[in-house]
Amino acid sequence: MIRYAYICHTLLQLYRKLPRISFPLDLELVIAAIPNCRYLSYQDMAEISGITLNDVINVCESRSGCTHYDSDNKRYLIMCNHDDGNIGRQRWTCAHEIGHIACEHHAIHRCLKLSENSILQISDRELELEADYFAGMLLAPFPLFDTLNIRSPADVQKVFGLSAEASYNRYNQFLRWKTTKVKTAWENDMIRLYKLKS
């Protein structure tokens, strides 16, 4: 079961730690707000380690990205592949990995690495759905769509810096959310926080 309320609360706490909020969201600021978290591209890891990009992909067990967790020191290393040139997709992958950390998937499931091919088979679908929900709300939070005058998938792409496909999906999810939601304090808090820090 996806913990929607927990994710929204966690997201709000993370947004509160940011010195400013503007879109597209600066993911370097988000990572800096997470204790003991660093970021490296696959390309940087290959150069530092003296190995090939394919070696990094094999070690990470993912073409897109993964997060390594040092449980002894409670440190995280997010790694993403910058090879495809699709900045929107890279942003989504990074936000997805941040989602795994924010949702505490590493600690809860006692795994040292989360990637598309290494997650425990029992819970992989749920973990991925939670990380995707978090990524969507982090990068393009529904409560801010009206405030930011989002009226189409093109607006989503322009304002939030998502890929064309993710923008289309996110806008359609927003339309469904808007017709089925019940107004919550979380939405008001997100709007108020954005206005305060933008």
Protein backbone atom coordinates (compact mmCIF):
# COMPACT_ATOMS: atom_id res chain seq x y z
CA MET A 1 0.00 0.00 0.00
CA ILE A 2 1.44 3.36 -1.06
CA ARG A 3 1.78 5.80 1.86
CA TYR A 4 0.39 8.88 0.11
CA ALA A 5 -0.14 10.98 3.25
CA TYR A 6 3.30 10.06 4.60
CA ILE A 7 4.95 10.97 1.29
CA CYS A 8 3.15 14.33 1.14
CA HIS A 9 4.17 15.12 4.73
CA THR A 10 7.79 14.09 4.03
CA LEU A 11 7.83 16.18 0.87
CA LEU A 12 6.56 19.24 2.74
CA GLN A 13 9.31 18.81 5.36
CA LEU A 14 11.92 18.62 2.60
CA TYR A 15 10.53 21.72 0.85
CA ARG A 16 10.75 23.58 4.19
CA LYS A 17 14.50 22.89 4.30
CA LEU A 18 15.09 24.53 0.92
CA PRO A 19 16.47 28.08 0.97
CA ARG A 20 14.24 28.98 -2.00
CA ILE A 21 11.63 27.34 -4.21
CA SER A 22 11.61 27.99 -7.92
CA PHE A 23 10.87 25.82 -10.91
CA PRO A 24 12.30 23.84 -12.47
CA LEU A 25 13.28 22.76 -8.98
CA ASP A 26 17.03 22.86 -8.28
CA LEU A 27 17.74 19.24 -7.35
CA GLU A 28 21.21 20.15 -6.07
CA LEU A 29 19.48 22.20 -3.35
CA VAL A 30 17.21 19.26 -2.57
CA ILE A 31 20.13 16.84 -2.25
CA ALA A 32 22.01 19.37 -0.10
CA ALA A 33 18.99 19.44 2.25
CA ILE A 34 19.25 15.67 2.86
CA PRO A 35 21.75 14.79 5.59
CA ASN A 36 24.70 12.66 4.44
CA CYS A 37 23.67 12.56 0.79
CA ARG A 38 25.88 13.04 -2.27
CA TYR A 39 25.31 12.89 -6.00
CA LEU A 40 27.51 11.55 -8.80
CA SER A 41 26.76 10.99 -12.44
CA TYR A 42 27.61 7.60 -13.90
CA GLN A 43 30.12 9.39 -16.10
CA ASP A 44 31.90 10.95 -13.09
CA MET A 45 31.94 7.60 -11.30
CA ALA A 46 33.49 5.93 -14.36
CA GLU A 47 36.21 8.60 -14.54
CA ILE A 48 36.95 8.53 -10.79
CA SER A 49 37.05 4.72 -10.71
CA GLY A 50 38.92 4.27 -13.98
CA ILE A 51 36.23 2.00 -15.41
CA THR A 52 33.87 2.20 -18.38
CA LEU A 53 30.33 3.55 -18.38
CA ASN A 54 29.08 0.00 -19.04
CA ASP A 55 30.93 -1.17 -15.93
CA VAL A 56 29.12 1.48 -13.87
CA ILE A 57 25.77 0.42 -15.37
CA ASN A 58 26.54 -3.21 -14.48
CA VAL A 59 27.61 -2.34 -10.92
CA CYS A 60 24.52 -0.18 -10.44
CA GLU A 61 22.27 -2.80 -12.07
CA SER A 62 20.43 0.00 -13.86
CA ARG A 63 20.82 2.05 -17.03
CA SER A 64 19.14 5.08 -15.41
CA GLY A 65 20.16 5.44 -11.79
CA CYS A 66 20.48 3.93 -8.36
CA THR A 67 21.15 4.87 -4.76
CA HIS A 68 23.81 3.26 -2.60
CA TYR A 69 23.31 3.25 1.17
CA ASP A 70 26.15 2.98 3.68
CA SER A 71 24.21 1.62 6.65
CA ASP A 72 27.12 1.88 9.07
CA ASN A 73 27.44 5.63 8.53
CA LYS A 74 23.89 6.31 7.31
CA ARG A 75 25.17 7.91 4.10
CA TYR A 76 23.60 7.93 0.65
CA LEU A 77 25.11 8.19 -2.81
CA ILE A 78 22.67 8.91 -5.64
CA MET A 79 24.00 8.05 -9.08
CA CYS A 80 22.32 8.82 -12.41
CA ASN A 81 23.25 8.27 -16.03
CA HIS A 82 23.61 11.46 -18.08
CA ASP A 83 24.25 9.58 -21.32
CA ASP A 84 20.85 9.88 -23.02
CA GLY A 85 20.80 13.70 -23.27
CA ASN A 86 17.19 13.89 -22.02
CA ILE A 87 17.46 16.38 -19.14
CA GLY A 88 13.82 15.89 -18.14
CA ARG A 89 14.32 12.15 -17.79
CA GLN A 90 17.53 12.66 -15.82
CA ARG A 91 15.69 15.02 -13.46
CA TRP A 92 12.93 12.44 -12.95
CA THR A 93 15.48 9.68 -12.26
CA CYS A 94 17.26 11.84 -9.68
CA ALA A 95 13.96 12.80 -8.00
CA HIS A 96 12.94 9.13 -7.98
CA GLU A 97 16.18 8.22 -6.19
CA ILE A 98 15.60 11.06 -3.71
CA GLY A 99 12.16 9.51 -3.18
CA HIS A 100 13.70 6.19 -2.14
CA ILE A 101 15.77 8.05 0.46
CA ALA A 102 12.92 10.26 1.70
CA CYS A 103 10.61 7.24 2.01
CA GLU A 104 13.37 5.42 3.94
CA HIS A 105 13.23 2.39 1.66
CA HIS A 106 16.88 1.49 2.32
CA ALA A 107 16.51 1.44 6.09
CA ILE A 108 13.07 -0.21 6.12
CA HIS A 109 14.09 -3.01 3.75
CA ARG A 110 17.72 -3.22 4.88
CA CYS A 111 19.16 -3.02 1.42
CA LEU A 112 22.38 -1.28 0.50
CA LYS A 113 21.42 -0.48 -3.08
CA LEU A 114 18.11 0.27 -4.74
CA SER A 115 17.98 0.08 -8.51
CA GLU A 116 15.56 -1.16 -11.14
CA ASN A 117 17.10 -4.64 -11.19
CA SER A 118 18.13 -5.15 -7.57
CA ILE A 119 15.12 -4.42 -5.38
CA LEU A 120 13.65 -7.22 -3.31
CA GLN A 121 11.09 -8.99 -5.46
CA ILE A 122 8.47 -9.03 -2.67
CA SER A 123 8.15 -5.27 -2.45
CA ASP A 124 9.70 -3.88 -5.62
CA ARG A 125 6.46 -2.64 -7.20
CA GLU A 126 5.37 -0.80 -4.06
CA LEU A 127 8.77 0.81 -3.54
CA GLU A 128 8.93 1.95 -7.15
CA LEU A 129 5.40 3.38 -7.03
CA GLU A 130 6.20 5.29 -3.84
CA ALA A 131 9.42 6.68 -5.31
CA ASP A 132 7.58 7.68 -8.50
CA TYR A 133 4.77 9.36 -6.54
CA PHE A 134 7.36 11.26 -4.52
CA ALA A 135 9.29 12.25 -7.68
CA GLY A 136 6.14 13.57 -9.34
CA MET A 137 5.10 15.61 -6.34
CA LEU A 138 8.65 16.88 -5.77
CA LEU A 139 9.18 18.06 -9.33
CA ALA A 140 5.63 19.12 -10.23
CA PRO A 141 3.44 19.39 -7.11
CA PHE A 142 -0.27 19.41 -7.93
CA PRO A 143 -1.19 22.06 -5.32
CA LEU A 144 0.92 24.59 -7.24
CA PHE A 145 -0.53 23.98 -10.71
CA ASP A 146 -3.21 26.67 -10.40
CA THR A 147 -0.83 29.11 -8.72
CA LEU A 148 1.64 28.63 -11.59
CA ASN A 149 -1.11 28.80 -14.24
CA ILE A 150 -0.50 25.27 -15.56
CA ARG A 151 -3.10 24.62 -18.29
CA SER A 152 -1.50 21.99 -20.55
CA PRO A 153 1.24 19.37 -20.80
CA ALA A 154 3.35 22.01 -22.57
CA ASP A 155 3.03 24.25 -19.49
CA VAL A 156 4.16 21.34 -17.28
CA GLN A 157 7.22 20.79 -19.46
CA LYS A 158 8.11 24.49 -19.61
CA VAL A 159 7.61 25.28 -15.90
CA PHE A 160 8.78 22.06 -14.24
CA GLY A 161 11.44 20.87 -16.70
CA LEU A 162 10.03 17.38 -17.25
CA SER A 163 10.32 15.35 -20.43
CA ALA A 164 7.47 15.59 -22.96
CA GLU A 165 6.18 12.14 -21.98
CA ALA A 166 6.36 12.82 -18.23
CA SER A 167 4.69 16.22 -18.74
CA TYR A 168 1.79 14.64 -20.62
CA ASN A 169 1.38 11.97 -17.92
CA ARG A 170 1.73 14.45 -15.08
CA TYR A 171 -0.88 16.81 -16.53
CA ASN A 172 -3.40 13.98 -16.99
CA GLN A 173 -2.72 12.80 -13.43
CA PHE A 174 -3.36 16.35 -12.25
CA LEU A 175 -6.74 16.47 -14.03
CA ARG A 176 -7.78 13.20 -12.33
CA TRP A 177 -6.45 14.41 -8.96
CA LYS A 178 -8.31 17.70 -9.27
CA THR A 179 -11.69 16.00 -9.83
CA THR A 180 -11.31 13.41 -7.05
CA LYS A 181 -9.40 15.20 -4.29
CA VAL A 182 -10.61 16.56 -1.00
CA LYS A 183 -8.87 19.82 -0.02
CA THR A 184 -6.27 19.23 2.69
CA ALA A 185 -4.11 21.35 4.96
CA TRP A 186 -1.09 19.94 3.10
CA GLU A 187 -2.17 21.67 -0.10
CA ASN A 188 -2.56 25.00 1.69
CA ASP A 189 0.83 24.54 3.35
CA MET A 190 2.49 23.83 0.00
CA ILE A 191 0.97 26.95 -1.58
CA ARG A 192 1.86 29.13 1.41
CA LEU A 193 5.42 27.79 1.51
CA TYR A 194 5.91 28.35 -2.21
CA LYS A 195 4.69 31.94 -1.96
CA LEU A 196 6.99 32.53 1.02
CA LYS A 197 10.12 31.05 -0.60
CA SER A 198 9.69 31.87 -4.29
